[in-house]
Amino acid sequence: MRAMLDRLVGGRLVPLFIKELTQLGRNRRLVVMLIVPPTLQLLLFGFALNPEVTGLKLAVVDESRTPESRQLVSAFGESGSFLIPAQYPSSEQAGDAIARGDADAALIIPSDYAERRIRGETASIQLLLDATNANTASIAGGYAARIIESLNRNLAAQRPRAARPLSLTTTVTLLYNPGLQNSWFITTGMIGTLLVLVGSLVASGSLVKEKETGTIEQLLMTPASATEIIVAKMLPLLILLTADIVIALSVARAVFAVPVRGSLVLFATAGMLCVFAGIGIGTFVATFTKSQQQAQLMAFFVNPPVALLSGVVTPIEAMPEWIRPFTLINPVRHFATISRGVLLKGVGIDILYPNVLALLAAAVLLVGISAWRFRKQFG
């Protein structure tokens, strides 16, 4: 046993170990990628994966306009679960606000609300919920039920014991996803995530492989410019990955029965912009790496935050306020909004144009930066 230990310590193992350790120490990029990404992923998962949903935007339609109805609205606002950005004159306009994404729910107070309360009768209110995200809709319905229950207890405590107890009832209407299918919310968002992640992995892998084999240097010796080379590499990937849009939508329809209520042209256009953004990310990553291993580690640094900060799995309202602005530069977030708007809500370009423009800007910016990095590195 001692002889074996002496051979291990005094033989080739220790020098080899020291050599490998020294080589790893010289590869600072690899060391950084092994330490920084897991740390950031842990922080992001801790902040973003929060099941609690607060700050839901509540559109209010107060047809009663009495102190009693204002007390009810105040109860929703003071709960901390709902924000009341605006009040609307009719339920139709409140429904349009939900369709545009300006509101997550709507509270409809009928005109006879105060009269019923004064007479000691049961007063009924209506709550419209955007059920595109079934989980958020269920949570919002639970919040509303607790608020109504608390208000009922307060009203009962204020009434004389001999008087008839007051009560409020809520009629909940689920919009766009009456069956509360969680798969509809997940799949419509995951399509964009897959397009970006697959596009980035394929683009970075293809470019890094040519760097390893020396094909890039051979191409640069031809009369073609660096811009022409990078465009020629991106276009075939765009055509190939566009087929993933059709495949993903077909799977969503066949397996999860996701409806298609809007324009498929708008959906396909947004999908192509999402693919372009993914190719831009992959090309940008490839300009910083020299091997497939480095490209994979760099992709681990980039892709999980893109997926996590998109609102695909967890609602953006559940994230801390300081982290929400970072989601605005995420192309997957804008595609998820477009996808859910087209497939589930049936809305068009007149409502989704801000997200389309943001997705277009992200794709152009990412492709432009990656092309600039490519020209700078190989020009």
Protein backbone atom coordinates (compact mmCIF):
# COMPACT_ATOMS: atom_id res chain seq x y z
CA MET A 1 0.00 0.00 0.00
CA ARG A 2 2.82 2.39 0.92
CA ALA A 3 4.71 1.54 -2.25
CA MET A 4 1.63 2.33 -4.34
CA LEU A 5 1.20 5.64 -2.52
CA ASP A 6 4.86 6.52 -3.13
CA ARG A 7 4.48 5.79 -6.82
CA LEU A 8 1.40 7.99 -7.03
CA VAL A 9 2.95 10.87 -5.12
CA GLY A 10 6.44 10.66 -6.50
CA GLY A 11 5.63 9.43 -9.98
CA ARG A 12 3.83 11.03 -12.97
CA LEU A 13 0.48 11.75 -11.31
CA VAL A 14 1.51 14.83 -9.37
CA PRO A 15 3.37 16.51 -12.26
CA LEU A 16 0.42 15.78 -14.54
CA PHE A 17 -1.97 17.17 -11.95
CA ILE A 18 0.12 20.32 -11.55
CA LYS A 19 0.33 20.69 -15.34
CA GLU A 20 -3.44 20.43 -15.77
CA LEU A 21 -4.02 22.82 -12.88
CA THR A 22 -1.59 25.32 -14.37
CA GLN A 23 -3.20 25.00 -17.78
CA LEU A 24 -6.65 25.64 -16.29
CA GLY A 25 -5.30 28.65 -14.44
CA ARG A 26 -3.99 30.11 -17.69
CA ASN A 27 -7.37 29.69 -19.38
CA ARG A 28 -9.00 32.58 -17.53
CA ARG A 29 -12.04 32.58 -19.79
CA LEU A 30 -12.82 28.98 -18.90
CA VAL A 31 -12.39 29.66 -15.18
CA VAL A 32 -14.73 32.67 -15.38
CA MET A 33 -17.35 30.66 -17.30
CA LEU A 34 -17.20 27.86 -14.73
CA ILE A 35 -17.73 30.22 -11.79
CA VAL A 36 -19.82 33.18 -12.92
CA PRO A 37 -22.71 31.50 -14.85
CA PRO A 38 -23.77 29.07 -12.08
CA THR A 39 -23.71 31.91 -9.56
CA LEU A 40 -25.85 34.16 -11.75
CA GLN A 41 -28.25 31.32 -12.58
CA LEU A 42 -28.76 30.63 -8.89
CA LEU A 43 -29.53 34.29 -8.23
CA LEU A 44 -31.89 34.56 -11.20
CA PHE A 45 -33.78 31.40 -10.30
CA GLY A 46 -34.08 32.60 -6.72
CA PHE A 47 -35.54 35.94 -7.78
CA ALA A 48 -37.57 35.02 -10.85
CA LEU A 49 -39.09 31.66 -9.89
CA ASN A 50 -41.52 33.12 -7.39
CA PRO A 51 -45.00 31.54 -7.20
CA GLU A 52 -46.44 34.61 -5.49
CA VAL A 53 -48.17 37.03 -7.86
CA THR A 54 -48.66 40.63 -6.76
CA GLY A 55 -49.34 43.92 -8.47
CA LEU A 56 -51.98 42.58 -10.85
CA LYS A 57 -53.46 45.39 -12.94
CA LEU A 58 -57.18 45.70 -12.16
CA ALA A 59 -59.51 47.64 -14.46
CA VAL A 60 -62.51 49.00 -12.54
CA VAL A 61 -65.96 49.72 -13.96
CA ASP A 62 -67.94 51.47 -11.22
CA GLU A 63 -71.53 51.84 -12.45
CA SER A 64 -72.75 52.61 -8.93
CA ARG A 65 -70.41 55.54 -8.14
CA THR A 66 -71.37 55.65 -4.49
CA PRO A 67 -69.41 55.61 -1.20
CA GLU A 68 -70.23 51.92 -0.88
CA SER A 69 -68.74 51.08 -4.29
CA ARG A 70 -65.66 53.20 -3.56
CA GLN A 71 -65.21 51.23 -0.35
CA LEU A 72 -65.16 48.03 -2.39
CA VAL A 73 -62.61 49.45 -4.85
CA SER A 74 -60.44 50.62 -1.95
CA ALA A 75 -60.52 47.11 -0.46
CA PHE A 76 -59.04 45.71 -3.68
CA GLY A 77 -56.43 48.46 -3.91
CA GLU A 78 -55.35 48.26 -0.26
CA SER A 79 -54.87 44.49 -0.45
CA GLY A 80 -51.53 44.91 -2.23
CA SER A 81 -52.44 42.13 -4.66
CA PHE A 82 -54.06 44.46 -7.19
CA LEU A 83 -53.07 47.78 -8.72
CA ILE A 84 -55.77 50.05 -10.13
CA PRO A 85 -54.16 51.99 -12.99
CA ALA A 86 -57.43 53.32 -14.42
CA GLN A 87 -61.20 53.16 -14.29
CA TYR A 88 -63.33 52.52 -17.38
CA PRO A 89 -66.88 53.66 -18.21
CA SER A 90 -68.07 50.28 -19.52
CA SER A 91 -67.31 46.58 -19.26
CA GLU A 92 -66.58 46.48 -23.00
CA GLN A 93 -63.73 48.97 -22.62
CA ALA A 94 -62.41 47.06 -19.61
CA GLY A 95 -62.45 43.88 -21.71
CA ASP A 96 -60.51 45.67 -24.45
CA ALA A 97 -57.93 46.71 -21.83
CA ILE A 98 -57.47 43.06 -20.89
CA ALA A 99 -57.09 42.13 -24.58
CA ARG A 100 -54.39 44.80 -25.02
CA GLY A 101 -52.55 43.64 -21.92
CA ASP A 102 -53.22 46.91 -20.07
CA ALA A 103 -55.09 44.96 -17.37
CA ASP A 104 -54.97 41.45 -15.93
CA ALA A 105 -58.48 41.55 -14.51
CA ALA A 106 -61.56 43.76 -14.40
CA LEU A 107 -63.95 44.49 -11.54
CA ILE A 108 -67.52 45.28 -12.65
CA ILE A 109 -69.72 46.94 -9.98
CA PRO A 110 -73.39 47.10 -11.05
CA SER A 111 -75.49 50.23 -10.67
CA ASP A 112 -77.72 48.70 -7.95
CA TYR A 113 -74.78 47.71 -5.75
CA ALA A 114 -75.29 50.44 -3.11
CA GLU A 115 -79.08 50.03 -3.06
CA ARG A 116 -78.81 46.32 -2.34
CA ARG A 117 -76.34 46.94 0.45
CA ILE A 118 -78.57 49.59 2.05
CA ARG A 119 -81.60 47.27 1.88
CA GLY A 120 -79.54 44.45 3.42
CA GLU A 121 -79.75 42.28 0.30
CA THR A 122 -76.99 40.26 -1.31
CA ALA A 123 -75.00 42.44 -3.70
CA SER A 124 -73.37 40.81 -6.71
CA ILE A 125 -70.24 41.97 -8.53
CA GLN A 126 -68.46 40.55 -11.57
CA LEU A 127 -64.76 39.80 -11.96
CA LEU A 128 -63.26 39.32 -15.42
CA LEU A 129 -59.94 37.43 -15.43
CA ASP A 130 -57.42 37.05 -18.23
CA ALA A 131 -57.10 33.26 -18.15
CA THR A 132 -54.33 33.15 -20.75
CA ASN A 133 -52.09 32.28 -17.81
CA ALA A 134 -54.25 29.77 -15.95
CA ASN A 135 -52.04 29.85 -12.86
CA THR A 136 -52.22 33.64 -12.54
CA ALA A 137 -55.98 33.59 -13.14
CA SER A 138 -56.46 31.02 -10.37
CA ILE A 139 -54.30 33.05 -7.98
CA ALA A 140 -56.12 36.28 -8.85
CA GLY A 141 -59.49 34.59 -8.27
CA GLY A 142 -58.27 33.40 -4.87
CA TYR A 143 -57.10 36.90 -3.98
CA ALA A 144 -60.49 38.35 -4.94
CA ALA A 145 -62.33 35.71 -2.91
CA ARG A 146 -60.27 36.54 0.20
CA ILE A 147 -60.86 40.27 -0.27
CA ILE A 148 -64.63 39.75 -0.58
CA GLU A 149 -64.63 37.45 2.45
CA SER A 150 -62.77 40.03 4.52
CA LEU A 151 -65.14 42.80 3.41
CA ASN A 152 -68.15 40.63 4.28
CA ARG A 153 -66.80 40.16 7.82
CA ASN A 154 -66.26 43.90 8.21
CA LEU A 155 -69.77 44.69 6.97
CA ALA A 156 -71.28 42.09 9.29
CA ALA A 157 -69.41 43.57 12.26
CA GLN A 158 -70.76 47.04 11.46
CA ARG A 159 -74.41 45.90 11.31
CA PRO A 160 -76.59 45.58 14.40
CA ARG A 161 -77.06 42.01 15.55
CA ALA A 162 -80.79 42.11 14.90
CA ALA A 163 -80.33 43.34 11.34
CA ARG A 164 -80.09 41.03 8.40
CA PRO A 165 -76.41 40.24 7.62
CA LEU A 166 -74.98 41.69 4.44
CA SER A 167 -73.07 39.66 1.91
CA LEU A 168 -71.34 40.09 -1.41
CA THR A 169 -71.16 37.49 -4.15
CA THR A 170 -68.73 37.41 -7.05
CA THR A 171 -69.36 36.10 -10.53
CA VAL A 172 -66.04 35.16 -12.13
CA THR A 173 -65.71 35.12 -15.91
CA LEU A 174 -62.59 33.52 -17.43
CA LEU A 175 -61.52 35.06 -20.74
CA TYR A 176 -59.52 33.37 -23.55
CA ASN A 177 -58.88 30.15 -21.60
CA PRO A 178 -62.11 29.11 -19.86
CA GLY A 179 -60.78 25.62 -19.18
CA LEU A 180 -57.73 27.00 -17.34
CA GLN A 181 -55.35 24.88 -19.43
CA ASN A 182 -51.84 25.57 -18.13
CA SER A 183 -50.40 23.91 -21.22
CA TRP A 184 -51.78 26.71 -23.42
CA PHE A 185 -49.78 29.31 -21.52
CA ILE A 186 -46.59 27.25 -21.37
CA THR A 187 -46.53 26.04 -24.98
CA THR A 188 -47.32 29.41 -26.56
CA GLY A 189 -44.38 30.91 -24.67
CA MET A 190 -41.99 27.98 -25.07
CA ILE A 191 -42.17 28.24 -28.86
CA GLY A 192 -40.19 31.48 -28.75
CA THR A 193 -37.77 30.08 -26.19
CA LEU A 194 -37.01 27.09 -28.39
CA LEU A 195 -36.58 29.23 -31.50
CA VAL A 196 -34.04 31.50 -29.79
CA LEU A 197 -32.16 28.73 -27.99
CA VAL A 198 -31.96 26.41 -30.99
CA GLY A 199 -31.01 29.29 -33.28
CA SER A 200 -28.22 30.42 -30.97
CA LEU A 201 -26.83 26.91 -30.47
CA VAL A 202 -26.86 26.03 -34.16
CA ALA A 203 -25.33 29.36 -35.23
CA SER A 204 -22.57 29.31 -32.63
CA GLY A 205 -21.78 25.63 -33.22
CA SER A 206 -21.58 26.08 -36.99
CA LEU A 207 -19.31 29.11 -36.84
CA VAL A 208 -17.01 27.73 -34.13
CA LYS A 209 -16.58 24.47 -36.03
CA GLU A 210 -15.38 26.38 -39.08
CA LYS A 211 -13.00 28.38 -36.88
CA GLU A 212 -11.53 25.14 -35.52
CA THR A 213 -11.04 23.62 -38.96
CA GLY A 214 -9.65 26.84 -40.45
CA THR A 215 -12.43 27.22 -43.04
CA ILE A 216 -13.09 30.82 -41.98
CA GLU A 217 -9.55 31.88 -42.90
CA GLN A 218 -9.92 30.21 -46.29
CA LEU A 219 -13.18 32.07 -46.93
CA LEU A 220 -11.58 35.38 -45.99
CA MET A 221 -8.94 34.80 -48.67
CA THR A 222 -11.67 34.88 -51.32
CA PRO A 223 -12.94 38.16 -52.82
CA ALA A 224 -16.05 37.98 -50.58
CA SER A 225 -16.21 40.51 -47.76
CA ALA A 226 -16.76 39.64 -44.11
CA THR A 227 -20.32 41.01 -44.31
CA GLU A 228 -21.13 38.80 -47.29
CA ILE A 229 -19.73 35.77 -45.49
CA ILE A 230 -21.75 36.34 -42.34
CA VAL A 231 -24.98 37.00 -44.28
CA ALA A 232 -24.41 33.87 -46.37
CA LYS A 233 -24.06 31.88 -43.17
CA MET A 234 -27.16 33.33 -41.51
CA LEU A 235 -29.67 32.98 -44.34
CA PRO A 236 -29.54 29.15 -44.66
CA LEU A 237 -29.90 28.85 -40.89
CA LEU A 238 -32.91 31.19 -41.03
CA ILE A 239 -34.58 29.08 -43.70
CA LEU A 240 -33.81 25.84 -41.85
CA LEU A 241 -34.98 27.07 -38.47
CA THR A 242 -38.15 28.63 -39.89
CA ALA A 243 -39.40 25.07 -40.31
CA ASP A 244 -39.30 24.80 -36.51
CA ILE A 245 -42.09 27.38 -36.36
CA VAL A 246 -44.40 25.10 -38.32
CA ILE A 247 -43.35 22.05 -36.30
CA ALA A 248 -43.83 23.79 -32.94
CA LEU A 249 -47.26 25.14 -33.86
CA SER A 250 -48.34 21.77 -35.22
CA VAL A 251 -47.31 20.03 -31.98
CA ALA A 252 -49.11 22.65 -29.89
CA ARG A 253 -52.28 22.15 -31.93
CA ALA A 254 -52.15 18.36 -32.11
CA VAL A 255 -51.01 17.54 -28.58
CA PHE A 256 -52.34 20.40 -26.43
CA ALA A 257 -55.26 21.61 -28.62
CA VAL A 258 -53.96 25.19 -28.54
CA PRO A 259 -56.40 27.34 -30.57
CA VAL A 260 -55.45 29.67 -33.41
CA ARG A 261 -57.71 32.70 -33.17
CA GLY A 262 -55.59 35.32 -34.97
CA SER A 263 -53.38 35.84 -37.99
CA LEU A 264 -50.92 33.07 -38.80
CA VAL A 265 -48.98 35.51 -40.99
CA LEU A 266 -48.31 37.73 -37.98
CA PHE A 267 -47.35 34.70 -35.91
CA ALA A 268 -44.94 33.41 -38.59
CA THR A 269 -43.38 36.85 -39.07
CA ALA A 270 -42.75 37.17 -35.34
CA GLY A 271 -41.31 33.66 -35.33
CA MET A 272 -38.82 34.52 -38.09
CA LEU A 273 -37.72 37.62 -36.18
CA CYS A 274 -37.26 35.42 -33.11
CA VAL A 275 -35.10 33.00 -35.13
CA PHE A 276 -33.05 35.93 -36.42
CA ALA A 277 -32.50 37.11 -32.84
CA GLY A 278 -31.34 33.61 -31.86
CA ILE A 279 -28.91 33.46 -34.79
CA GLY A 280 -27.57 36.86 -33.79
CA ILE A 281 -27.00 35.66 -30.23
CA GLY A 282 -25.25 32.50 -31.44
CA THR A 283 -23.01 34.39 -33.87
CA PHE A 284 -22.15 36.91 -31.17
CA VAL A 285 -21.20 34.08 -28.79
CA ALA A 286 -19.08 32.42 -31.48
CA THR A 287 -16.95 35.55 -31.91
CA PHE A 288 -15.83 35.23 -28.27
CA THR A 289 -15.03 31.51 -28.30
CA LYS A 290 -12.39 29.36 -29.97
CA SER A 291 -13.75 25.85 -29.39
CA GLN A 292 -17.01 23.94 -29.14
CA GLN A 293 -16.49 23.51 -25.40
CA GLN A 294 -16.16 27.24 -24.85
CA ALA A 295 -19.20 27.89 -27.04
CA GLN A 296 -21.31 25.49 -24.97
CA LEU A 297 -20.21 27.08 -21.71
CA MET A 298 -20.86 30.58 -23.08
CA ALA A 299 -24.32 29.43 -24.25
CA PHE A 300 -25.03 28.27 -20.70
CA PHE A 301 -24.16 31.78 -19.57
CA VAL A 302 -26.51 33.43 -22.10
CA ASN A 303 -29.44 31.11 -22.80
CA PRO A 304 -30.86 30.35 -19.32
CA PRO A 305 -31.29 34.05 -18.45
CA VAL A 306 -32.99 34.59 -21.81
CA ALA A 307 -35.45 31.79 -21.02
CA LEU A 308 -35.89 32.71 -17.38
CA LEU A 309 -36.46 36.45 -17.84
CA SER A 310 -39.09 36.04 -20.53
CA GLY A 311 -42.25 35.44 -18.54
CA VAL A 312 -42.71 32.09 -20.27
CA VAL A 313 -42.80 29.90 -17.17
CA THR A 314 -43.38 32.40 -14.37
CA PRO A 315 -45.30 35.67 -14.80
CA ILE A 316 -43.26 38.84 -14.93
CA GLU A 317 -45.52 40.29 -12.21
CA ALA A 318 -44.03 37.72 -9.81
CA MET A 319 -40.50 39.05 -10.35
CA PRO A 320 -39.00 41.86 -8.23
CA GLU A 321 -39.60 45.32 -9.64
CA TRP A 322 -35.89 46.00 -10.20
CA ILE A 323 -35.53 42.98 -12.45
CA ARG A 324 -38.63 43.61 -14.63
CA PRO A 325 -37.00 46.30 -16.86
CA PHE A 326 -34.42 43.73 -18.01
CA THR A 327 -37.21 41.64 -19.50
CA LEU A 328 -38.03 44.46 -21.93
CA ILE A 329 -34.84 43.77 -23.93
CA ASN A 330 -35.57 40.06 -24.11
CA PRO A 331 -36.86 38.99 -27.57
CA VAL A 332 -38.52 35.89 -26.10
CA ARG A 333 -40.76 38.05 -23.90
CA HIS A 334 -42.07 40.01 -26.88
CA PHE A 335 -42.58 36.88 -28.96
CA ALA A 336 -44.48 35.24 -26.07
CA THR A 337 -46.79 38.27 -25.93
CA ILE A 338 -47.34 38.10 -29.70
CA SER A 339 -47.86 34.34 -29.66
CA ARG A 340 -50.43 34.43 -26.86
CA GLY A 341 -52.13 37.45 -28.37
CA VAL A 342 -52.48 35.83 -31.80
CA LEU A 343 -53.22 32.24 -30.78
CA LEU A 344 -55.28 32.69 -27.60
CA LYS A 345 -56.77 36.20 -27.77
CA GLY A 346 -57.11 36.63 -31.53
CA VAL A 347 -55.76 40.19 -31.48
CA GLY A 348 -53.95 41.75 -34.43
CA ILE A 349 -51.12 44.08 -35.35
CA ASP A 350 -53.09 47.12 -34.15
CA ILE A 351 -52.57 45.93 -30.56
CA LEU A 352 -49.34 43.92 -30.86
CA TYR A 353 -47.31 46.42 -32.91
CA PRO A 354 -45.20 47.58 -29.90
CA ASN A 355 -44.03 44.01 -29.34
CA VAL A 356 -43.43 43.47 -33.06
CA LEU A 357 -41.31 46.63 -33.25
CA ALA A 358 -39.38 45.63 -30.11
CA LEU A 359 -38.75 42.16 -31.54
CA LEU A 360 -37.61 43.66 -34.85
CA ALA A 361 -35.26 46.06 -33.05
CA ALA A 362 -33.81 43.22 -30.96
CA ALA A 363 -33.21 41.05 -34.05
CA VAL A 364 -31.59 43.87 -36.05
CA LEU A 365 -29.45 44.93 -33.09
CA LEU A 366 -28.24 41.41 -32.28
CA VAL A 367 -27.44 40.57 -35.91
CA GLY A 368 -25.74 43.95 -36.39
CA ILE A 369 -23.55 43.59 -33.31
CA SER A 370 -22.58 40.02 -34.18
CA ALA A 371 -21.70 41.03 -37.77
CA TRP A 372 -19.61 43.93 -36.42
CA ARG A 373 -17.79 41.58 -34.04
CA PHE A 374 -17.18 39.13 -36.90
CA ARG A 375 -15.71 41.82 -39.13
CA LYS A 376 -13.58 43.15 -36.30
CA GLN A 377 -12.21 39.72 -35.48
CA PHE A 378 -11.60 38.42 -38.98
CA GLY A 379 -11.48 41.57 -41.09
